[in-house]
Amino acid sequence: MRGINLLSLKVGVLAALLALNPAFAAENHKAEALKHAEAAVASSKTGDAKAVGEHAAMAKVHTEAAEKEHPNAHFEAALKSLDGAIEHSKMGHADIAGKSAEEAVTHLNAAP
């Protein structure tokens, strides 16, 4: 009897962890996206357009993953801002790319 209860407890804990996993994954992607978006902003302040684009591209990957797991208008807006940062970085406009990255940071911070 004790073995069955212990097994039931283990199965219950495992099921709970698996059910919570998407929430943890979305939060991890959001944190990674925010880290890269902030790095893009920092790179813009040094005038490094290439680095802005690289960080914005990484932020975009994580934002897309977070949005897929937890759809939200702020993630969608952050993606548009990151696209702007990437495009302007390709043109060598570090300052404008940085402003777009700042907008992405604002949206990522507002996302749940």
PDB file of N, CA and C in Angstrom:
ATOM      1  N   MET A   1       0.819  -1.193   0.000  1.00  0.00           N
ATOM      2  CA  MET A   1       0.000   0.000   0.000  1.00  0.00           C
ATOM      3  C   MET A   1       0.866   1.261   0.000  1.00  0.00           C
ATOM      4  N   ARG A   2       1.931   1.231   0.826  1.00  0.00           N
ATOM      5  CA  ARG A   2       2.817   2.390   0.902  1.00  0.00           C
ATOM      6  C   ARG A   2       3.506   2.641  -0.440  1.00  0.00           C
ATOM      7  N   GLY A   3       3.883   1.581  -1.131  1.00  0.00           N
ATOM      8  CA  GLY A   3       4.538   1.703  -2.425  1.00  0.00           C
ATOM      9  C   GLY A   3       3.639   2.343  -3.466  1.00  0.00           C
ATOM     10  N   ILE A   4       2.366   2.025  -3.418  1.00  0.00           N
ATOM     11  CA  ILE A   4       1.410   2.597  -4.370  1.00  0.00           C
ATOM     12  C   ILE A   4       1.237   4.086  -4.104  1.00  0.00           C
ATOM     13  N   ASN A   5       1.139   4.479  -2.829  1.00  0.00           N
ATOM     14  CA  ASN A   5       0.993   5.889  -2.489  1.00  0.00           C
ATOM     15  C   ASN A   5       2.230   6.684  -2.895  1.00  0.00           C
ATOM     16  N   LEU A   6       3.398   6.112  -2.682  1.00  0.00           N
ATOM     17  CA  LEU A   6       4.641   6.789  -3.055  1.00  0.00           C
ATOM     18  C   LEU A   6       4.725   6.936  -4.570  1.00  0.00           C
ATOM     19  N   LEU A   7       4.336   5.907  -5.292  1.00  0.00           N
ATOM     20  CA  LEU A   7       4.328   5.972  -6.751  1.00  0.00           C
ATOM     21  C   LEU A   7       3.334   7.033  -7.226  1.00  0.00           C
ATOM     22  N   SER A   8       2.162   7.069  -6.630  1.00  0.00           N
ATOM     23  CA  SER A   8       1.159   8.070  -6.994  1.00  0.00           C
ATOM     24  C   SER A   8       1.682   9.478  -6.746  1.00  0.00           C
ATOM     25  N   LEU A   9       2.375   9.656  -5.638  1.00  0.00           N
ATOM     26  CA  LEU A   9       2.953  10.959  -5.321  1.00  0.00           C
ATOM     27  C   LEU A   9       4.000  11.347  -6.369  1.00  0.00           C
ATOM     28  N   LYS A  10       4.863  10.415  -6.740  1.00  0.00           N
ATOM     29  CA  LYS A  10       5.886  10.702  -7.745  1.00  0.00           C
ATOM     30  C   LYS A  10       5.256  11.057  -9.089  1.00  0.00           C
ATOM     31  N   VAL A  11       4.232  10.310  -9.484  1.00  0.00           N
ATOM     32  CA  VAL A  11       3.556  10.582 -10.751  1.00  0.00           C
ATOM     33  C   VAL A  11       2.880  11.950 -10.703  1.00  0.00           C
ATOM     34  N   GLY A  12       2.272  12.274  -9.575  1.00  0.00           N
ATOM     35  CA  GLY A  12       1.616  13.572  -9.425  1.00  0.00           C
ATOM     36  C   GLY A  12       2.597  14.723  -9.521  1.00  0.00           C
ATOM     37  N   VAL A  13       3.741  14.578  -8.865  1.00  0.00           N
ATOM     38  CA  VAL A  13       4.769  15.627  -8.909  1.00  0.00           C
ATOM     39  C   VAL A  13       5.303  15.768 -10.332  1.00  0.00           C
ATOM     40  N   LEU A  14       5.554  14.672 -10.999  1.00  0.00           N
ATOM     41  CA  LEU A  14       6.043  14.719 -12.378  1.00  0.00           C
ATOM     42  C   LEU A  14       5.023  15.392 -13.294  1.00  0.00           C
ATOM     43  N   ALA A  15       3.752  15.044 -13.132  1.00  0.00           N
ATOM     44  CA  ALA A  15       2.703  15.656 -13.956  1.00  0.00           C
ATOM     45  C   ALA A  15       2.629  17.164 -13.712  1.00  0.00           C
ATOM     46  N   ALA A  16       2.755  17.572 -12.468  1.00  0.00           N
ATOM     47  CA  ALA A  16       2.720  19.002 -12.147  1.00  0.00           C
ATOM     48  C   ALA A  16       3.902  19.733 -12.776  1.00  0.00           C
ATOM     49  N   LEU A  17       5.079  19.138 -12.714  1.00  0.00           N
ATOM     50  CA  LEU A  17       6.257  19.761 -13.321  1.00  0.00           C
ATOM     51  C   LEU A  17       6.122  19.877 -14.829  1.00  0.00           C
ATOM     52  N   LEU A  18       5.591  18.851 -15.453  1.00  0.00           N
ATOM     53  CA  LEU A  18       5.396  18.903 -16.904  1.00  0.00           C
ATOM     54  C   LEU A  18       4.341  19.935 -17.288  1.00  0.00           C
ATOM     55  N   ALA A  19       3.331  20.087 -16.467  1.00  0.00           N
ATOM     56  CA  ALA A  19       2.293  21.076 -16.756  1.00  0.00           C
ATOM     57  C   ALA A  19       2.827  22.487 -16.626  1.00  0.00           C
ATOM     58  N   LEU A  20       3.765  22.713 -15.723  1.00  0.00           N
ATOM     59  CA  LEU A  20       4.329  24.037 -15.515  1.00  0.00           C
ATOM     60  C   LEU A  20       5.442  24.370 -16.500  1.00  0.00           C
ATOM     61  N   ASN A  21       5.990  23.383 -17.153  1.00  0.00           N
ATOM     62  CA  ASN A  21       7.143  23.576 -18.028  1.00  0.00           C
ATOM     63  C   ASN A  21       6.946  24.670 -19.074  1.00  0.00           C
ATOM     64  N   PRO A  22       5.819  24.741 -19.791  1.00  0.00           N
ATOM     65  CA  PRO A  22       5.673  25.821 -20.777  1.00  0.00           C
ATOM     66  C   PRO A  22       5.765  27.210 -20.153  1.00  0.00           C
ATOM     67  N   ALA A  23       5.241  27.365 -18.950  1.00  0.00           N
ATOM     68  CA  ALA A  23       5.323  28.667 -18.295  1.00  0.00           C
ATOM     69  C   ALA A  23       6.775  29.035 -18.008  1.00  0.00           C
ATOM     70  N   PHE A  24       7.549  28.077 -17.544  1.00  0.00           N
ATOM     71  CA  PHE A  24       8.959  28.335 -17.279  1.00  0.00           C
ATOM     72  C   PHE A  24       9.709  28.609 -18.570  1.00  0.00           C
ATOM     73  N   ALA A  25       9.395  27.869 -19.620  1.00  0.00           N
ATOM     74  CA  ALA A  25      10.079  28.060 -20.895  1.00  0.00           C
ATOM     75  C   ALA A  25       9.788  29.445 -21.463  1.00  0.00           C
ATOM     76  N   ALA A  26       8.533  29.887 -21.380  1.00  0.00           N
ATOM     77  CA  ALA A  26       8.183  31.213 -21.902  1.00  0.00           C
ATOM     78  C   ALA A  26       8.922  32.298 -21.126  1.00  0.00           C
ATOM     79  N   GLU A  27       9.002  32.148 -19.825  1.00  0.00           N
ATOM     80  CA  GLU A  27       9.695  33.142 -19.016  1.00  0.00           C
ATOM     81  C   GLU A  27      11.183  33.146 -19.346  1.00  0.00           C
ATOM     82  N   ASN A  28      11.768  31.982 -19.566  1.00  0.00           N
ATOM     83  CA  ASN A  28      13.178  31.900 -19.919  1.00  0.00           C
ATOM     84  C   ASN A  28      13.425  32.581 -21.266  1.00  0.00           C
ATOM     85  N   HIS A  29      12.555  32.350 -22.240  1.00  0.00           N
ATOM     86  CA  HIS A  29      12.722  32.996 -23.543  1.00  0.00           C
ATOM     87  C   HIS A  29      12.565  34.507 -23.415  1.00  0.00           C
ATOM     88  N   LYS A  30      11.624  34.932 -22.603  1.00  0.00           N
ATOM     89  CA  LYS A  30      11.437  36.371 -22.398  1.00  0.00           C
ATOM     90  C   LYS A  30      12.698  36.981 -21.787  1.00  0.00           C
ATOM     91  N   ALA A  31      13.260  36.310 -20.799  1.00  0.00           N
ATOM     92  CA  ALA A  31      14.474  36.817 -20.145  1.00  0.00           C
ATOM     93  C   ALA A  31      15.642  36.878 -21.124  1.00  0.00           C
ATOM     94  N   GLU A  32      15.780  35.867 -21.956  1.00  0.00           N
ATOM     95  CA  GLU A  32      16.858  35.858 -22.951  1.00  0.00           C
ATOM     96  C   GLU A  32      16.646  36.947 -23.993  1.00  0.00           C
ATOM     97  N   ALA A  33      15.395  37.112 -24.424  1.00  0.00           N
ATOM     98  CA  ALA A  33      15.089  38.164 -25.398  1.00  0.00           C
ATOM     99  C   ALA A  33      15.420  39.533 -24.815  1.00  0.00           C
ATOM    100  N   LEU A  34      15.054  39.748 -23.577  1.00  0.00           N
ATOM    101  CA  LEU A  34      15.321  41.021 -22.913  1.00  0.00           C
ATOM    102  C   LEU A  34      16.822  41.266 -22.778  1.00  0.00           C
ATOM    103  N   LYS A  35      17.552  40.226 -22.437  1.00  0.00           N
ATOM    104  CA  LYS A  35      19.012  40.342 -22.307  1.00  0.00           C
ATOM    105  C   LYS A  35      19.643  40.790 -23.625  1.00  0.00           C
ATOM    106  N   HIS A  36      19.225  40.166 -24.722  1.00  0.00           N
ATOM    107  CA  HIS A  36      19.801  40.513 -26.024  1.00  0.00           C
ATOM    108  C   HIS A  36      19.322  41.877 -26.517  1.00  0.00           C
ATOM    109  N   ALA A  37      18.068  42.211 -26.248  1.00  0.00           N
ATOM    110  CA  ALA A  37      17.563  43.528 -26.657  1.00  0.00           C
ATOM    111  C   ALA A  37      18.312  44.629 -25.902  1.00  0.00           C
ATOM    112  N   GLU A  38      18.574  44.416 -24.630  1.00  0.00           N
ATOM    113  CA  GLU A  38      19.334  45.402 -23.853  1.00  0.00           C
ATOM    114  C   GLU A  38      20.776  45.503 -24.353  1.00  0.00           C
ATOM    115  N   ALA A  39      21.338  44.373 -24.770  1.00  0.00           N
ATOM    116  CA  ALA A  39      22.689  44.395 -25.330  1.00  0.00           C
ATOM    117  C   ALA A  39      22.702  45.149 -26.659  1.00  0.00           C
ATOM    118  N   ALA A  40      21.621  45.027 -27.424  1.00  0.00           N
ATOM    119  CA  ALA A  40      21.512  45.784 -28.679  1.00  0.00           C
ATOM    120  C   ALA A  40      21.499  47.280 -28.397  1.00  0.00           C
ATOM    121  N   VAL A  41      20.759  47.677 -27.372  1.00  0.00           N
ATOM    122  CA  VAL A  41      20.713  49.094 -26.993  1.00  0.00           C
ATOM    123  C   VAL A  41      22.107  49.569 -26.586  1.00  0.00           C
ATOM    124  N   ALA A  42      22.794  48.772 -25.774  1.00  0.00           N
ATOM    125  CA  ALA A  42      24.137  49.143 -25.327  1.00  0.00           C
ATOM    126  C   ALA A  42      25.096  49.265 -26.511  1.00  0.00           C
ATOM    127  N   SER A  43      24.973  48.353 -27.475  1.00  0.00           N
ATOM    128  CA  SER A  43      25.840  48.409 -28.659  1.00  0.00           C
ATOM    129  C   SER A  43      25.570  49.654 -29.482  1.00  0.00           C
ATOM    130  N   SER A  44      24.321  50.098 -29.506  1.00  0.00           N
ATOM    131  CA  SER A  44      23.992  51.301 -30.281  1.00  0.00           C
ATOM    132  C   SER A  44      24.666  52.530 -29.682  1.00  0.00           C
ATOM    133  N   LYS A  45      24.851  52.519 -28.388  1.00  0.00           N
ATOM    134  CA  LYS A  45      25.471  53.671 -27.724  1.00  0.00           C
ATOM    135  C   LYS A  45      26.968  53.769 -28.015  1.00  0.00           C
ATOM    136  N   THR A  46      27.554  52.656 -28.463  1.00  0.00           N
ATOM    137  CA  THR A  46      28.960  52.682 -28.864  1.00  0.00           C
ATOM    138  C   THR A  46      29.096  52.855 -30.374  1.00  0.00           C
ATOM    139  N   GLY A  47      27.941  52.922 -31.068  1.00  0.00           N
ATOM    140  CA  GLY A  47      27.960  53.114 -32.516  1.00  0.00           C
ATOM    141  C   GLY A  47      28.205  51.851 -33.317  1.00  0.00           C
ATOM    142  N   ASP A  48      28.084  50.691 -32.687  1.00  0.00           N
ATOM    143  CA  ASP A  48      28.360  49.413 -33.343  1.00  0.00           C
ATOM    144  C   ASP A  48      27.076  48.847 -33.958  1.00  0.00           C
ATOM    145  N   ALA A  49      26.764  49.279 -35.172  1.00  0.00           N
ATOM    146  CA  ALA A  49      25.532  48.860 -35.838  1.00  0.00           C
ATOM    147  C   ALA A  49      25.487  47.351 -36.053  1.00  0.00           C
ATOM    148  N   LYS A  50      26.615  46.747 -36.373  1.00  0.00           N
ATOM    149  CA  LYS A  50      26.654  45.307 -36.616  1.00  0.00           C
ATOM    150  C   LYS A  50      26.247  44.544 -35.351  1.00  0.00           C
ATOM    151  N   ALA A  51      26.775  44.938 -34.204  1.00  0.00           N
ATOM    152  CA  ALA A  51      26.443  44.271 -32.948  1.00  0.00           C
ATOM    153  C   ALA A  51      24.973  44.493 -32.581  1.00  0.00           C
ATOM    154  N   VAL A  52      24.451  45.675 -32.894  1.00  0.00           N
ATOM    155  CA  VAL A  52      23.032  45.934 -32.637  1.00  0.00           C
ATOM    156  C   VAL A  52      22.198  44.902 -33.393  1.00  0.00           C
ATOM    157  N   GLY A  53      22.513  44.710 -34.662  1.00  0.00           N
ATOM    158  CA  GLY A  53      21.777  43.755 -35.489  1.00  0.00           C
ATOM    159  C   GLY A  53      21.901  42.328 -34.995  1.00  0.00           C
ATOM    160  N   GLU A  54      23.105  41.944 -34.573  1.00  0.00           N
ATOM    161  CA  GLU A  54      23.314  40.582 -34.078  1.00  0.00           C
ATOM    162  C   GLU A  54      22.501  40.332 -32.809  1.00  0.00           C
ATOM    163  N   HIS A  55      22.550  41.275 -31.884  1.00  0.00           N
ATOM    164  CA  HIS A  55      21.795  41.102 -30.637  1.00  0.00           C
ATOM    165  C   HIS A  55      20.291  41.174 -30.895  1.00  0.00           C
ATOM    166  N   ALA A  56      19.879  42.058 -31.784  1.00  0.00           N
ATOM    167  CA  ALA A  56      18.451  42.162 -32.107  1.00  0.00           C
ATOM    168  C   ALA A  56      17.955  40.866 -32.749  1.00  0.00           C
ATOM    169  N   ALA A  57      18.777  40.250 -33.585  1.00  0.00           N
ATOM    170  CA  ALA A  57      18.400  38.985 -34.218  1.00  0.00           C
ATOM    171  C   ALA A  57      18.242  37.876 -33.176  1.00  0.00           C
ATOM    172  N   MET A  58      19.151  37.841 -32.204  1.00  0.00           N
ATOM    173  CA  MET A  58      19.034  36.839 -31.134  1.00  0.00           C
ATOM    174  C   MET A  58      17.807  37.121 -30.267  1.00  0.00           C
ATOM    175  N   ALA A  59      17.555  38.388 -29.990  1.00  0.00           N
ATOM    176  CA  ALA A  59      16.368  38.755 -29.214  1.00  0.00           C
ATOM    177  C   ALA A  59      15.107  38.336 -29.963  1.00  0.00           C
ATOM    178  N   LYS A  60      15.131  38.482 -31.283  1.00  0.00           N
ATOM    179  CA  LYS A  60      13.973  38.115 -32.098  1.00  0.00           C
ATOM    180  C   LYS A  60      13.681  36.619 -32.008  1.00  0.00           C
ATOM    181  N   VAL A  61      14.725  35.797 -32.048  1.00  0.00           N
ATOM    182  CA  VAL A  61      14.545  34.344 -31.942  1.00  0.00           C
ATOM    183  C   VAL A  61      13.841  33.999 -30.630  1.00  0.00           C
ATOM    184  N   HIS A  62      14.314  34.573 -29.542  1.00  0.00           N
ATOM    185  CA  HIS A  62      13.729  34.272 -28.230  1.00  0.00           C
ATOM    186  C   HIS A  62      12.339  34.887 -28.073  1.00  0.00           C
ATOM    187  N   THR A  63      12.133  36.053 -28.657  1.00  0.00           N
ATOM    188  CA  THR A  63      10.808  36.676 -28.583  1.00  0.00           C
ATOM    189  C   THR A  63       9.789  35.847 -29.356  1.00  0.00           C
ATOM    190  N   GLU A  64      10.187  35.339 -30.516  1.00  0.00           N
ATOM    191  CA  GLU A  64       9.285  34.484 -31.296  1.00  0.00           C
ATOM    192  C   GLU A  64       8.913  33.230 -30.506  1.00  0.00           C
ATOM    193  N   ALA A  65       9.892  32.649 -29.825  1.00  0.00           N
ATOM    194  CA  ALA A  65       9.624  31.449 -29.022  1.00  0.00           C
ATOM    195  C   ALA A  65       8.694  31.772 -27.856  1.00  0.00           C
ATOM    196  N   ALA A  66       8.932  32.893 -27.200  1.00  0.00           N
ATOM    197  CA  ALA A  66       8.085  33.286 -26.072  1.00  0.00           C
ATOM    198  C   ALA A  66       6.668  33.583 -26.555  1.00  0.00           C
ATOM    199  N   GLU A  67       6.542  34.243 -27.703  1.00  0.00           N
ATOM    200  CA  GLU A  67       5.229  34.590 -28.239  1.00  0.00           C
ATOM    201  C   GLU A  67       4.463  33.334 -28.650  1.00  0.00           C
ATOM    202  N   LYS A  68       5.179  32.364 -29.167  1.00  0.00           N
ATOM    203  CA  LYS A  68       4.541  31.104 -29.576  1.00  0.00           C
ATOM    204  C   LYS A  68       3.999  30.361 -28.357  1.00  0.00           C
ATOM    205  N   GLU A  69       4.754  30.391 -27.266  1.00  0.00           N
ATOM    206  CA  GLU A  69       4.343  29.685 -26.060  1.00  0.00           C
ATOM    207  C   GLU A  69       3.315  30.463 -25.249  1.00  0.00           C
ATOM    208  N   HIS A  70       3.348  31.793 -25.363  1.00  0.00           N
ATOM    209  CA  HIS A  70       2.445  32.634 -24.577  1.00  0.00           C
ATOM    210  C   HIS A  70       2.071  33.863 -25.409  1.00  0.00           C
ATOM    211  N   PRO A  71       1.151  33.693 -26.375  1.00  0.00           N
ATOM    212  CA  PRO A  71       0.805  34.801 -27.276  1.00  0.00           C
ATOM    213  C   PRO A  71       0.403  36.073 -26.515  1.00  0.00           C
ATOM    214  N   ASN A  72       0.953  37.197 -26.972  1.00  0.00           N
ATOM    215  CA  ASN A  72       0.687  38.463 -26.309  1.00  0.00           C
ATOM    216  C   ASN A  72       1.002  39.591 -27.279  1.00  0.00           C
ATOM    217  N   ALA A  73       0.215  40.650 -27.216  1.00  0.00           N
ATOM    218  CA  ALA A  73       0.409  41.790 -28.110  1.00  0.00           C
ATOM    219  C   ALA A  73       1.765  42.466 -27.892  1.00  0.00           C
ATOM    220  N   HIS A  74       2.282  42.418 -26.675  1.00  0.00           N
ATOM    221  CA  HIS A  74       3.578  43.046 -26.417  1.00  0.00           C
ATOM    222  C   HIS A  74       4.708  42.289 -27.109  1.00  0.00           C
ATOM    223  N   PHE A  75       4.610  40.971 -27.174  1.00  0.00           N
ATOM    224  CA  PHE A  75       5.621  40.206 -27.907  1.00  0.00           C
ATOM    225  C   PHE A  75       5.560  40.553 -29.391  1.00  0.00           C
ATOM    226  N   GLU A  76       4.341  40.683 -29.934  1.00  0.00           N
ATOM    227  CA  GLU A  76       4.187  41.044 -31.343  1.00  0.00           C
ATOM    228  C   GLU A  76       4.788  42.427 -31.619  1.00  0.00           C
ATOM    229  N   ALA A  77       4.545  43.369 -30.733  1.00  0.00           N
ATOM    230  CA  ALA A  77       5.096  44.723 -30.906  1.00  0.00           C
ATOM    231  C   ALA A  77       6.617  44.696 -30.776  1.00  0.00           C
ATOM    232  N   ALA A  78       7.128  43.886 -29.857  1.00  0.00           N
ATOM    233  CA  ALA A  78       8.578  43.767 -29.695  1.00  0.00           C
ATOM    234  C   ALA A  78       9.203  43.201 -30.966  1.00  0.00           C
ATOM    235  N   LEU A  79       8.537  42.241 -31.587  1.00  0.00           N
ATOM    236  CA  LEU A  79       9.051  41.660 -32.832  1.00  0.00           C
ATOM    237  C   LEU A  79       9.143  42.714 -33.932  1.00  0.00           C
ATOM    238  N   LYS A  80       8.144  43.577 -34.031  1.00  0.00           N
ATOM    239  CA  LYS A  80       8.180  44.640 -35.041  1.00  0.00           C
ATOM    240  C   LYS A  80       9.340  45.598 -34.765  1.00  0.00           C
ATOM    241  N   SER A  81       9.533  45.922 -33.503  1.00  0.00           N
ATOM    242  CA  SER A  81      10.634  46.817 -33.145  1.00  0.00           C
ATOM    243  C   SER A  81      11.983  46.165 -33.426  1.00  0.00           C
ATOM    244  N   LEU A  82      12.090  44.879 -33.140  1.00  0.00           N
ATOM    245  CA  LEU A  82      13.349  44.166 -33.407  1.00  0.00           C
ATOM    246  C   LEU A  82      13.619  44.094 -34.906  1.00  0.00           C
ATOM    247  N   ASP A  83      12.573  43.904 -35.699  1.00  0.00           N
ATOM    248  CA  ASP A  83      12.751  43.923 -37.158  1.00  0.00           C
ATOM    249  C   ASP A  83      13.306  45.275 -37.601  1.00  0.00           C
ATOM    250  N   GLY A  84      12.785  46.348 -37.010  1.00  0.00           N
ATOM    251  CA  GLY A  84      13.295  47.685 -37.325  1.00  0.00           C
ATOM    252  C   GLY A  84      14.755  47.842 -36.934  1.00  0.00           C
ATOM    253  N   ALA A  85      15.097  47.311 -35.779  1.00  0.00           N
ATOM    254  CA  ALA A  85      16.494  47.389 -35.325  1.00  0.00           C
ATOM    255  C   ALA A  85      17.416  46.634 -36.279  1.00  0.00           C
ATOM    256  N   ILE A  86      16.975  45.485 -36.714  1.00  0.00           N
ATOM    257  CA  ILE A  86      17.790  44.669 -37.631  1.00  0.00           C
ATOM    258  C   ILE A  86      17.966  45.394 -38.966  1.00  0.00           C
ATOM    259  N   GLU A  87      16.881  45.902 -39.505  1.00  0.00           N
ATOM    260  CA  GLU A  87      16.947  46.600 -40.792  1.00  0.00           C
ATOM    261  C   GLU A  87      17.847  47.834 -40.729  1.00  0.00           C
ATOM    262  N   HIS A  88      17.697  48.640 -39.689  1.00  0.00           N
ATOM    263  CA  HIS A  88      18.530  49.843 -39.579  1.00  0.00           C
ATOM    264  C   HIS A  88      19.994  49.498 -39.316  1.00  0.00           C
ATOM    265  N   SER A  89      20.230  48.405 -38.610  1.00  0.00           N
ATOM    266  CA  SER A  89      21.634  48.013 -38.378  1.00  0.00           C
ATOM    267  C   SER A  89      22.306  47.618 -39.686  1.00  0.00           C
ATOM    268  N   LYS A  90      21.538  47.007 -40.592  1.00  0.00           N
ATOM    269  CA  LYS A  90      22.089  46.632 -41.900  1.00  0.00           C
ATOM    270  C   LYS A  90      22.476  47.862 -42.712  1.00  0.00           C
ATOM    271  N   MET A  91      21.797  48.975 -42.458  1.00  0.00           N
ATOM    272  CA  MET A  91      22.095  50.223 -43.160  1.00  0.00           C
ATOM    273  C   MET A  91      23.187  51.021 -42.452  1.00  0.00           C
ATOM    274  N   GLY A  92      23.648  50.505 -41.309  1.00  0.00           N
ATOM    275  CA  GLY A  92      24.701  51.190 -40.567  1.00  0.00           C
ATOM    276  C   GLY A  92      24.184  52.289 -39.651  1.00  0.00           C
ATOM    277  N   HIS A  93      22.881  52.320 -39.419  1.00  0.00           N
ATOM    278  CA  HIS A  93      22.272  53.345 -38.574  1.00  0.00           C
ATOM    279  C   HIS A  93      22.179  52.854 -37.132  1.00  0.00           C
ATOM    280  N   ALA A  94      23.280  52.878 -36.425  1.00  0.00           N
ATOM    281  CA  ALA A  94      23.310  52.352 -35.054  1.00  0.00           C
ATOM    282  C   ALA A  94      22.360  53.107 -34.137  1.00  0.00           C
ATOM    283  N   ASP A  95      22.268  54.414 -34.306  1.00  0.00           N
ATOM    284  CA  ASP A  95      21.419  55.212 -33.414  1.00  0.00           C
ATOM    285  C   ASP A  95      19.941  54.898 -33.609  1.00  0.00           C
ATOM    286  N   ILE A  96      19.493  54.810 -34.845  1.00  0.00           N
ATOM    287  CA  ILE A  96      18.082  54.504 -35.115  1.00  0.00           C
ATOM    288  C   ILE A  96      17.778  53.053 -34.737  1.00  0.00           C
ATOM    289  N   ALA A  97      18.717  52.151 -35.030  1.00  0.00           N
ATOM    290  CA  ALA A  97      18.543  50.754 -34.640  1.00  0.00           C
ATOM    291  C   ALA A  97      18.423  50.644 -33.124  1.00  0.00           C
ATOM    292  N   GLY A  98      19.200  51.445 -32.412  1.00  0.00           N
ATOM    293  CA  GLY A  98      19.149  51.442 -30.953  1.00  0.00           C
ATOM    294  C   GLY A  98      17.805  51.910 -30.427  1.00  0.00           C
ATOM    295  N   LYS A  99      17.217  52.895 -31.083  1.00  0.00           N
ATOM    296  CA  LYS A  99      15.891  53.375 -30.664  1.00  0.00           C
ATOM    297  C   LYS A  99      14.845  52.273 -30.846  1.00  0.00           C
ATOM    298  N   SER A 100      14.954  51.540 -31.939  1.00  0.00           N
ATOM    299  CA  SER A 100      14.035  50.419 -32.159  1.00  0.00           C
ATOM    300  C   SER A 100      14.254  49.328 -31.099  1.00  0.00           C
ATOM    301  N   ALA A 101      15.503  49.084 -30.760  1.00  0.00           N
ATOM    302  CA  ALA A 101      15.797  48.095 -29.722  1.00  0.00           C
ATOM    303  C   ALA A 101      15.256  48.555 -28.365  1.00  0.00           C
ATOM    304  N   GLU A 102      15.327  49.853 -28.098  1.00  0.00           N
ATOM    305  CA  GLU A 102      14.758  50.394 -26.851  1.00  0.00           C
ATOM    306  C   GLU A 102      13.248  50.165 -26.800  1.00  0.00           C
ATOM    307  N   GLU A 103      12.578  50.343 -27.934  1.00  0.00           N
ATOM    308  CA  GLU A 103      11.140  50.073 -27.999  1.00  0.00           C
ATOM    309  C   GLU A 103      10.862  48.603 -27.709  1.00  0.00           C
ATOM    310  N   ALA A 104      11.701  47.728 -28.246  1.00  0.00           N
ATOM    311  CA  ALA A 104      11.541  46.294 -27.980  1.00  0.00           C
ATOM    312  C   ALA A 104      11.698  45.997 -26.496  1.00  0.00           C
ATOM    313  N   VAL A 105      12.683  46.622 -25.861  1.00  0.00           N
ATOM    314  CA  VAL A 105      12.885  46.431 -24.412  1.00  0.00           C
ATOM    315  C   VAL A 105      11.632  46.841 -23.655  1.00  0.00           C
ATOM    316  N   THR A 106      11.059  47.974 -24.025  1.00  0.00           N
ATOM    317  CA  THR A 106       9.839  48.456 -23.360  1.00  0.00           C
ATOM    318  C   THR A 106       8.715  47.433 -23.483  1.00  0.00           C
ATOM    319  N   HIS A 107       8.530  46.894 -24.681  1.00  0.00           N
ATOM    320  CA  HIS A 107       7.456  45.907 -24.898  1.00  0.00           C
ATOM    321  C   HIS A 107       7.752  44.596 -24.178  1.00  0.00           C
ATOM    322  N   LEU A 108       8.998  44.171 -24.197  1.00  0.00           N
ATOM    323  CA  LEU A 108       9.334  42.928 -23.500  1.00  0.00           C
ATOM    324  C   LEU A 108       9.117  43.058 -21.991  1.00  0.00           C
ATOM    325  N   ASN A 109       9.451  44.225 -21.455  1.00  0.00           N
ATOM    326  CA  ASN A 109       9.214  44.434 -20.024  1.00  0.00           C
ATOM    327  C   ASN A 109       7.728  44.444 -19.698  1.00  0.00           C
ATOM    328  N   ALA A 110       6.903  44.886 -20.636  1.00  0.00           N
ATOM    329  CA  ALA A 110       5.457  44.964 -20.402  1.00  0.00           C
ATOM    330  C   ALA A 110       4.762  43.618 -20.612  1.00  0.00           C
ATOM    331  N   ALA A 111       5.406  42.700 -21.312  1.00  0.00           N
ATOM    332  CA  ALA A 111       4.807  41.387 -21.577  1.00  0.00           C
ATOM    333  C   ALA A 111       4.735  40.579 -20.273  1.00  0.00           C
ATOM    334  N   PRO A 112       3.676  39.789 -20.148  1.00  0.00           N
ATOM    335  CA  PRO A 112       3.534  38.982 -18.906  1.00  0.00           C
ATOM    336  C   PRO A 112       4.547  37.863 -18.825  1.00  0.00           C
TER     337      PRO A 112
END
